[in-house]
N, C-alpha and C. Protein backbone atom coordinates (compact mmCIF):
# COMPACT_ATOMS: atom_id res chain seq x y z
N UNK A 1 -56.89 31.78 106.56
CA UNK A 1 -55.83 31.59 105.60
C UNK A 1 -54.50 32.03 106.21
N UNK A 2 -53.46 31.39 105.80
CA UNK A 2 -52.12 31.70 106.28
C UNK A 2 -51.67 33.03 105.68
N UNK A 3 -51.44 34.02 106.55
CA UNK A 3 -51.03 35.36 106.11
C UNK A 3 -49.65 35.36 105.45
N UNK A 4 -48.83 34.36 105.76
CA UNK A 4 -47.47 34.32 105.23
C UNK A 4 -47.31 33.30 104.11
N UNK A 5 -48.40 32.88 103.51
CA UNK A 5 -48.36 31.88 102.46
C UNK A 5 -47.51 32.37 101.29
N UNK A 6 -46.57 31.55 100.88
CA UNK A 6 -45.67 31.91 99.77
C UNK A 6 -45.95 31.00 98.59
N UNK A 7 -45.95 31.59 97.43
CA UNK A 7 -46.16 30.83 96.20
C UNK A 7 -44.80 30.50 95.60
N UNK A 8 -44.69 29.29 95.11
CA UNK A 8 -43.44 28.83 94.50
C UNK A 8 -43.17 29.64 93.23
N UNK A 9 -41.96 30.17 93.14
CA UNK A 9 -41.54 30.94 91.96
C UNK A 9 -40.97 29.95 90.94
N UNK A 10 -41.73 29.68 89.91
CA UNK A 10 -41.29 28.76 88.87
C UNK A 10 -40.35 29.47 87.91
N UNK A 11 -39.74 28.69 87.05
CA UNK A 11 -38.85 29.25 86.03
C UNK A 11 -39.63 30.24 85.15
N UNK A 12 -40.87 29.89 84.82
CA UNK A 12 -41.72 30.77 84.02
C UNK A 12 -41.90 32.13 84.71
N UNK A 13 -42.17 32.10 86.01
CA UNK A 13 -42.38 33.33 86.77
C UNK A 13 -41.14 34.21 86.75
N UNK A 14 -40.00 33.60 86.93
CA UNK A 14 -38.74 34.36 86.93
C UNK A 14 -38.47 34.97 85.55
N UNK A 15 -38.70 34.20 84.51
CA UNK A 15 -38.46 34.70 83.14
C UNK A 15 -39.38 35.89 82.85
N UNK A 16 -40.65 35.76 83.19
CA UNK A 16 -41.61 36.84 82.93
C UNK A 16 -41.22 38.11 83.69
N UNK A 17 -40.82 37.97 84.93
CA UNK A 17 -40.41 39.15 85.70
C UNK A 17 -39.15 39.78 85.12
N UNK A 18 -38.20 38.98 84.68
CA UNK A 18 -37.01 39.52 84.03
C UNK A 18 -37.37 40.23 82.72
N UNK A 19 -38.29 39.65 81.96
CA UNK A 19 -38.73 40.29 80.71
C UNK A 19 -39.35 41.66 80.98
N UNK A 20 -40.14 41.76 82.03
CA UNK A 20 -40.74 43.05 82.39
C UNK A 20 -39.66 44.09 82.66
N UNK A 21 -38.66 43.71 83.44
CA UNK A 21 -37.57 44.64 83.77
C UNK A 21 -36.80 45.03 82.51
N UNK A 22 -36.55 44.07 81.64
CA UNK A 22 -35.83 44.36 80.38
C UNK A 22 -36.64 45.32 79.52
N UNK A 23 -37.93 45.06 79.38
CA UNK A 23 -38.80 45.93 78.56
C UNK A 23 -38.84 47.34 79.13
N UNK A 24 -38.98 47.46 80.44
CA UNK A 24 -39.01 48.79 81.08
C UNK A 24 -37.68 49.52 80.88
N UNK A 25 -36.58 48.81 81.02
CA UNK A 25 -35.26 49.43 80.89
C UNK A 25 -34.98 49.86 79.46
N UNK A 26 -35.22 48.97 78.52
CA UNK A 26 -34.98 49.29 77.10
C UNK A 26 -35.87 50.46 76.66
N UNK A 27 -37.12 50.45 77.10
CA UNK A 27 -38.02 51.55 76.74
C UNK A 27 -37.52 52.86 77.33
N UNK A 28 -37.05 52.85 78.56
CA UNK A 28 -36.53 54.06 79.19
C UNK A 28 -35.37 54.63 78.37
N UNK A 29 -34.42 53.79 78.02
CA UNK A 29 -33.26 54.24 77.23
C UNK A 29 -33.73 54.78 75.89
N UNK A 30 -34.63 54.07 75.23
CA UNK A 30 -35.15 54.51 73.93
C UNK A 30 -35.83 55.88 74.05
N UNK A 31 -36.67 56.04 75.08
CA UNK A 31 -37.38 57.30 75.25
C UNK A 31 -36.44 58.46 75.56
N UNK A 32 -35.39 58.18 76.31
CA UNK A 32 -34.40 59.24 76.60
C UNK A 32 -33.75 59.73 75.30
N UNK A 33 -33.39 58.81 74.44
CA UNK A 33 -32.78 59.18 73.16
C UNK A 33 -33.79 59.92 72.29
N UNK A 34 -35.00 59.37 72.20
CA UNK A 34 -36.04 60.00 71.39
C UNK A 34 -36.38 61.40 71.88
N UNK A 35 -36.43 61.56 73.18
CA UNK A 35 -36.80 62.85 73.76
C UNK A 35 -35.88 63.96 73.26
N UNK A 36 -34.62 63.66 73.16
CA UNK A 36 -33.64 64.66 72.70
C UNK A 36 -33.84 65.02 71.23
N UNK A 37 -34.43 64.12 70.46
CA UNK A 37 -34.60 64.32 69.02
C UNK A 37 -35.94 64.93 68.63
N UNK A 38 -36.89 64.94 69.55
CA UNK A 38 -38.25 65.38 69.22
C UNK A 38 -38.39 66.90 69.22
N UNK A 39 -39.27 67.41 68.35
CA UNK A 39 -39.61 68.84 68.44
C UNK A 39 -40.43 69.09 69.70
N UNK A 40 -40.63 70.34 70.06
CA UNK A 40 -41.36 70.67 71.30
C UNK A 40 -42.82 70.21 71.27
N UNK A 41 -43.46 70.27 70.11
CA UNK A 41 -44.86 69.84 69.97
C UNK A 41 -44.90 68.62 69.05
N UNK A 42 -45.62 67.60 69.51
CA UNK A 42 -45.74 66.38 68.71
C UNK A 42 -47.18 65.89 68.74
N UNK A 43 -47.59 65.07 67.76
CA UNK A 43 -48.93 64.48 67.79
C UNK A 43 -49.06 63.56 69.00
N UNK A 44 -50.13 63.69 69.73
CA UNK A 44 -50.32 62.90 70.95
C UNK A 44 -51.54 61.99 70.91
N UNK A 45 -52.48 62.29 70.03
CA UNK A 45 -53.68 61.45 69.95
C UNK A 45 -54.14 61.39 68.52
N UNK A 46 -54.62 60.22 68.16
CA UNK A 46 -55.07 59.98 66.80
C UNK A 46 -56.49 59.43 66.84
N UNK A 47 -57.29 59.79 65.81
CA UNK A 47 -58.64 59.23 65.74
C UNK A 47 -58.58 57.84 65.09
N UNK A 48 -59.73 57.22 64.88
CA UNK A 48 -59.76 55.87 64.32
C UNK A 48 -59.26 55.79 62.89
N UNK A 49 -59.19 56.94 62.23
CA UNK A 49 -58.66 56.96 60.86
C UNK A 49 -57.16 57.20 60.83
N UNK A 50 -56.55 57.31 62.00
CA UNK A 50 -55.11 57.54 62.07
C UNK A 50 -54.71 59.00 61.90
N UNK A 51 -55.70 59.91 61.96
CA UNK A 51 -55.43 61.34 61.80
C UNK A 51 -55.19 61.96 63.17
N UNK A 52 -54.26 62.89 63.23
CA UNK A 52 -53.93 63.56 64.49
C UNK A 52 -55.11 64.43 64.91
N UNK A 53 -55.57 64.25 66.16
CA UNK A 53 -56.63 65.13 66.67
C UNK A 53 -56.20 65.85 67.95
N UNK A 54 -54.92 65.69 68.36
CA UNK A 54 -54.39 66.47 69.47
C UNK A 54 -52.87 66.48 69.42
N UNK A 55 -52.33 67.67 69.62
CA UNK A 55 -50.88 67.83 69.74
C UNK A 55 -50.56 68.13 71.20
N UNK A 56 -49.37 67.76 71.61
CA UNK A 56 -48.97 68.01 72.98
C UNK A 56 -47.48 68.27 73.08
N UNK A 57 -47.04 68.53 74.29
CA UNK A 57 -45.61 68.74 74.53
C UNK A 57 -44.87 67.41 74.49
N UNK A 58 -43.61 67.47 74.11
CA UNK A 58 -42.86 66.23 73.96
C UNK A 58 -42.69 65.48 75.28
N UNK A 59 -42.77 66.15 76.41
CA UNK A 59 -42.63 65.45 77.69
C UNK A 59 -43.78 64.47 77.92
N UNK A 60 -44.88 64.62 77.19
CA UNK A 60 -46.03 63.74 77.36
C UNK A 60 -45.75 62.30 76.94
N UNK A 61 -44.64 62.08 76.23
CA UNK A 61 -44.30 60.69 75.89
C UNK A 61 -44.02 59.86 77.14
N UNK A 62 -43.74 60.55 78.26
CA UNK A 62 -43.44 59.87 79.51
C UNK A 62 -44.68 59.43 80.28
N UNK A 63 -45.86 59.93 79.91
CA UNK A 63 -47.08 59.62 80.67
C UNK A 63 -47.38 58.12 80.64
N UNK A 64 -47.41 57.52 79.46
CA UNK A 64 -47.69 56.08 79.37
C UNK A 64 -46.58 55.27 80.03
N UNK A 65 -45.35 55.74 79.92
CA UNK A 65 -44.22 55.04 80.55
C UNK A 65 -44.39 55.02 82.07
N UNK A 66 -44.69 56.17 82.63
CA UNK A 66 -44.87 56.27 84.09
C UNK A 66 -46.07 55.44 84.54
N UNK A 67 -47.16 55.47 83.76
CA UNK A 67 -48.33 54.64 84.09
C UNK A 67 -47.94 53.16 84.06
N UNK A 68 -47.13 52.76 83.10
CA UNK A 68 -46.66 51.37 83.03
C UNK A 68 -45.82 50.99 84.22
N UNK A 69 -44.97 51.90 84.67
CA UNK A 69 -44.13 51.65 85.86
C UNK A 69 -45.02 51.48 87.09
N UNK A 70 -46.00 52.36 87.24
CA UNK A 70 -46.91 52.29 88.40
C UNK A 70 -47.67 50.96 88.39
N UNK A 71 -48.17 50.57 87.23
CA UNK A 71 -48.90 49.31 87.13
C UNK A 71 -47.98 48.12 87.39
N UNK A 72 -46.74 48.19 86.91
CA UNK A 72 -45.78 47.12 87.16
C UNK A 72 -45.57 46.94 88.67
N UNK A 73 -45.31 48.03 89.38
CA UNK A 73 -45.08 47.92 90.82
C UNK A 73 -46.35 47.52 91.57
N UNK A 74 -47.49 48.05 91.14
CA UNK A 74 -48.75 47.68 91.77
C UNK A 74 -49.04 46.19 91.62
N UNK A 75 -48.87 45.67 90.42
CA UNK A 75 -49.10 44.24 90.20
C UNK A 75 -48.05 43.39 90.93
N UNK A 76 -46.83 43.91 91.05
CA UNK A 76 -45.79 43.19 91.79
C UNK A 76 -46.15 43.06 93.27
N UNK A 77 -46.76 44.09 93.84
CA UNK A 77 -47.20 44.03 95.24
C UNK A 77 -48.36 43.04 95.36
N UNK A 78 -49.32 43.13 94.47
CA UNK A 78 -50.50 42.26 94.52
C UNK A 78 -50.11 40.79 94.39
N UNK A 79 -49.15 40.50 93.51
CA UNK A 79 -48.79 39.09 93.29
C UNK A 79 -48.15 38.46 94.52
N UNK A 80 -47.66 39.26 95.44
CA UNK A 80 -47.01 38.73 96.65
C UNK A 80 -47.98 38.55 97.82
N UNK A 81 -49.25 38.87 97.61
CA UNK A 81 -50.24 38.81 98.70
C UNK A 81 -51.44 37.93 98.31
N UNK A 82 -51.24 36.63 98.18
CA UNK A 82 -52.36 35.77 97.76
C UNK A 82 -53.54 35.78 98.73
N UNK A 83 -53.28 36.10 99.99
CA UNK A 83 -54.37 36.10 100.95
C UNK A 83 -55.42 37.17 100.65
N UNK A 84 -55.09 38.13 99.80
CA UNK A 84 -56.03 39.18 99.45
C UNK A 84 -56.69 38.97 98.09
N UNK A 85 -56.29 37.94 97.38
CA UNK A 85 -56.86 37.70 96.05
C UNK A 85 -58.30 37.22 96.18
N UNK A 86 -59.17 37.76 95.35
CA UNK A 86 -60.55 37.30 95.29
C UNK A 86 -60.62 36.26 94.18
N UNK A 87 -60.67 34.99 94.58
CA UNK A 87 -60.59 33.91 93.61
C UNK A 87 -61.93 33.55 93.00
N UNK A 88 -63.01 33.84 93.70
CA UNK A 88 -64.32 33.45 93.20
C UNK A 88 -64.67 32.00 93.54
N UNK A 89 -63.72 31.29 94.15
CA UNK A 89 -63.99 29.92 94.58
C UNK A 89 -63.44 29.74 96.00
N UNK A 90 -63.91 28.71 96.66
CA UNK A 90 -63.46 28.44 98.02
C UNK A 90 -62.07 27.82 97.98
N UNK A 91 -61.17 28.41 98.75
CA UNK A 91 -59.81 27.89 98.84
C UNK A 91 -59.74 26.92 100.02
N UNK A 92 -59.28 25.72 99.74
CA UNK A 92 -59.11 24.71 100.79
C UNK A 92 -57.63 24.32 100.83
N UNK A 93 -57.28 23.57 101.86
CA UNK A 93 -55.89 23.09 101.92
C UNK A 93 -55.57 22.20 100.73
N UNK A 94 -56.57 21.49 100.25
CA UNK A 94 -56.37 20.56 99.13
C UNK A 94 -56.10 21.29 97.80
N UNK A 95 -56.79 22.40 97.57
CA UNK A 95 -56.65 23.08 96.27
C UNK A 95 -55.82 24.36 96.33
N UNK A 96 -55.39 24.75 97.53
CA UNK A 96 -54.71 26.04 97.71
C UNK A 96 -53.49 26.20 96.79
N UNK A 97 -52.59 25.25 96.81
CA UNK A 97 -51.37 25.38 96.01
C UNK A 97 -51.69 25.48 94.52
N UNK A 98 -52.55 24.63 94.03
CA UNK A 98 -52.90 24.60 92.61
C UNK A 98 -53.59 25.89 92.18
N UNK A 99 -54.56 26.35 92.95
CA UNK A 99 -55.32 27.56 92.59
C UNK A 99 -54.42 28.79 92.67
N UNK A 100 -53.66 28.90 93.75
CA UNK A 100 -52.79 30.08 93.90
C UNK A 100 -51.69 30.11 92.85
N UNK A 101 -51.18 28.95 92.46
CA UNK A 101 -50.15 28.93 91.42
C UNK A 101 -50.75 29.39 90.09
N UNK A 102 -51.95 28.94 89.78
CA UNK A 102 -52.61 29.39 88.54
C UNK A 102 -52.88 30.90 88.58
N UNK A 103 -53.38 31.39 89.70
CA UNK A 103 -53.64 32.82 89.83
C UNK A 103 -52.35 33.64 89.73
N UNK A 104 -51.30 33.13 90.35
CA UNK A 104 -50.00 33.82 90.29
C UNK A 104 -49.50 33.87 88.85
N UNK A 105 -49.58 32.75 88.16
CA UNK A 105 -49.16 32.73 86.75
C UNK A 105 -49.99 33.69 85.91
N UNK A 106 -51.30 33.75 86.20
CA UNK A 106 -52.16 34.68 85.47
C UNK A 106 -51.73 36.13 85.75
N UNK A 107 -51.49 36.45 87.00
CA UNK A 107 -51.10 37.82 87.35
C UNK A 107 -49.79 38.24 86.69
N UNK A 108 -48.80 37.37 86.72
CA UNK A 108 -47.53 37.79 86.12
C UNK A 108 -47.60 37.83 84.61
N UNK A 109 -48.43 36.96 84.02
CA UNK A 109 -48.62 37.01 82.57
C UNK A 109 -49.30 38.32 82.18
N UNK A 110 -50.34 38.69 82.92
CA UNK A 110 -51.03 39.95 82.66
C UNK A 110 -50.10 41.13 82.93
N UNK A 111 -49.26 41.01 83.95
CA UNK A 111 -48.29 42.09 84.23
C UNK A 111 -47.39 42.31 83.02
N UNK A 112 -46.89 41.22 82.43
CA UNK A 112 -46.06 41.34 81.23
C UNK A 112 -46.84 41.99 80.08
N UNK A 113 -48.07 41.60 79.91
CA UNK A 113 -48.89 42.16 78.84
C UNK A 113 -49.19 43.64 79.06
N UNK A 114 -49.50 44.01 80.30
CA UNK A 114 -49.79 45.42 80.62
C UNK A 114 -48.53 46.27 80.43
N UNK A 115 -47.40 45.78 80.93
CA UNK A 115 -46.14 46.51 80.75
C UNK A 115 -45.86 46.67 79.25
N UNK A 116 -46.04 45.61 78.49
CA UNK A 116 -45.80 45.68 77.04
C UNK A 116 -46.72 46.70 76.38
N UNK A 117 -47.99 46.69 76.75
CA UNK A 117 -48.96 47.63 76.18
C UNK A 117 -48.54 49.08 76.43
N UNK A 118 -48.22 49.40 77.67
CA UNK A 118 -47.87 50.78 78.00
C UNK A 118 -46.53 51.19 77.40
N UNK A 119 -45.61 50.25 77.28
CA UNK A 119 -44.33 50.60 76.67
C UNK A 119 -44.48 50.79 75.16
N UNK A 120 -45.34 49.99 74.53
CA UNK A 120 -45.62 50.19 73.11
C UNK A 120 -46.29 51.53 72.90
N UNK A 121 -47.21 51.89 73.77
CA UNK A 121 -47.86 53.20 73.67
C UNK A 121 -46.82 54.32 73.78
N UNK A 122 -45.87 54.17 74.70
CA UNK A 122 -44.82 55.18 74.87
C UNK A 122 -43.95 55.30 73.64
N UNK A 123 -43.53 54.16 73.12
CA UNK A 123 -42.65 54.15 71.95
C UNK A 123 -43.38 54.71 70.74
N UNK A 124 -44.62 54.27 70.51
CA UNK A 124 -45.40 54.79 69.38
C UNK A 124 -45.57 56.30 69.49
N UNK A 125 -45.83 56.77 70.71
CA UNK A 125 -45.98 58.20 70.92
C UNK A 125 -44.70 58.94 70.57
N UNK A 126 -43.57 58.41 70.99
CA UNK A 126 -42.29 59.07 70.70
C UNK A 126 -41.94 59.02 69.21
N UNK A 127 -42.42 57.98 68.53
CA UNK A 127 -42.17 57.86 67.09
C UNK A 127 -43.25 58.54 66.26
N UNK A 128 -44.26 59.07 66.97
CA UNK A 128 -45.37 59.77 66.34
C UNK A 128 -46.16 58.86 65.40
N UNK A 129 -46.41 57.64 65.89
CA UNK A 129 -47.18 56.65 65.15
C UNK A 129 -48.55 56.56 65.80
N UNK A 130 -49.59 56.64 65.03
CA UNK A 130 -50.95 56.65 65.56
C UNK A 130 -51.74 55.41 65.23
N UNK A 131 -51.12 54.25 65.24
CA UNK A 131 -51.83 53.01 64.93
C UNK A 131 -52.37 52.37 66.20
N UNK A 132 -53.67 52.51 66.42
CA UNK A 132 -54.29 52.01 67.65
C UNK A 132 -54.52 50.50 67.60
N UNK A 133 -54.36 49.88 66.44
CA UNK A 133 -54.66 48.45 66.32
C UNK A 133 -53.77 47.59 67.21
N UNK A 134 -52.51 47.98 67.39
CA UNK A 134 -51.63 47.19 68.26
C UNK A 134 -52.13 47.24 69.70
N UNK A 135 -52.63 48.40 70.14
CA UNK A 135 -53.19 48.51 71.49
C UNK A 135 -54.42 47.62 71.64
N UNK A 136 -55.28 47.62 70.63
CA UNK A 136 -56.47 46.76 70.67
C UNK A 136 -56.07 45.29 70.69
N UNK A 137 -55.04 44.96 69.93
CA UNK A 137 -54.57 43.58 69.90
C UNK A 137 -54.08 43.14 71.29
N UNK A 138 -53.28 43.96 71.94
CA UNK A 138 -52.76 43.60 73.26
C UNK A 138 -53.87 43.57 74.29
N UNK A 139 -54.80 44.51 74.22
CA UNK A 139 -55.95 44.48 75.14
C UNK A 139 -56.75 43.19 74.94
N UNK A 140 -56.92 42.79 73.69
CA UNK A 140 -57.60 41.53 73.40
C UNK A 140 -56.86 40.33 73.97
N UNK A 141 -55.54 40.35 73.86
CA UNK A 141 -54.73 39.27 74.42
C UNK A 141 -54.88 39.21 75.94
N UNK A 142 -54.93 40.37 76.59
CA UNK A 142 -55.10 40.41 78.05
C UNK A 142 -56.46 39.81 78.43
N UNK A 143 -57.49 40.16 77.71
CA UNK A 143 -58.83 39.62 77.99
C UNK A 143 -58.84 38.11 77.78
N UNK A 144 -58.26 37.65 76.69
CA UNK A 144 -58.22 36.21 76.40
C UNK A 144 -57.41 35.48 77.47
N UNK A 145 -56.29 36.05 77.88
CA UNK A 145 -55.47 35.45 78.94
C UNK A 145 -56.29 35.29 80.21
N UNK A 146 -57.01 36.33 80.59
CA UNK A 146 -57.82 36.29 81.80
C UNK A 146 -58.89 35.20 81.70
N UNK A 147 -59.56 35.13 80.58
CA UNK A 147 -60.60 34.12 80.39
C UNK A 147 -60.01 32.72 80.47
N UNK A 148 -58.89 32.49 79.79
CA UNK A 148 -58.27 31.17 79.80
C UNK A 148 -57.82 30.75 81.19
N UNK A 149 -57.21 31.67 81.92
CA UNK A 149 -56.77 31.32 83.28
C UNK A 149 -57.94 31.08 84.20
N UNK A 150 -58.99 31.88 84.10
CA UNK A 150 -60.15 31.63 84.96
C UNK A 150 -60.82 30.31 84.60
N UNK A 151 -60.80 29.94 83.35
CA UNK A 151 -61.30 28.62 82.95
C UNK A 151 -60.48 27.53 83.63
N UNK A 152 -59.15 27.66 83.59
CA UNK A 152 -58.27 26.68 84.24
C UNK A 152 -58.50 26.63 85.75
N UNK A 153 -58.70 27.81 86.35
CA UNK A 153 -58.91 27.88 87.80
C UNK A 153 -60.21 27.19 88.20
N UNK A 154 -61.29 27.49 87.49
CA UNK A 154 -62.57 26.88 87.84
C UNK A 154 -62.57 25.39 87.55
N UNK A 155 -61.80 24.99 86.56
CA UNK A 155 -61.67 23.57 86.24
C UNK A 155 -60.85 22.85 87.31
N UNK A 156 -59.88 23.55 87.90
CA UNK A 156 -58.97 22.94 88.88
C UNK A 156 -59.53 22.92 90.29
N UNK A 157 -60.63 23.61 90.54
CA UNK A 157 -61.12 23.71 91.92
C UNK A 157 -61.53 22.37 92.44
């Protein structure tokens, strides 16, 4: 495989990457403001009934944010290296562009979803909201996205 293979950056790809940056930036500004307003101890974990089962220091609102940043950069590196992607199918010159474009679109879509999930977790934590259903919803969307893209990939081989 060509080590320098480049995937075409479509308008969709550019928009998704810009959205990730906007979400990360807006969340950072929001958390900075919230941090100044929070008491030293805040609810950090909720059970399935929405009841607080752990309190923590207010700096802990940054944990999900930092995890989101790490995942954003990690996925950004991975998306630039198609030669390392495990596609599950044989890549040929005939299908390379089509398969890699689908995989790239899947990766950036999942990147947007992962960034959104971790930023929502950060914001909810700073607002002291313990509704786990939004996290389950986004995790479900990520799973469905993965299934749909792999269906398209195996269909396109």
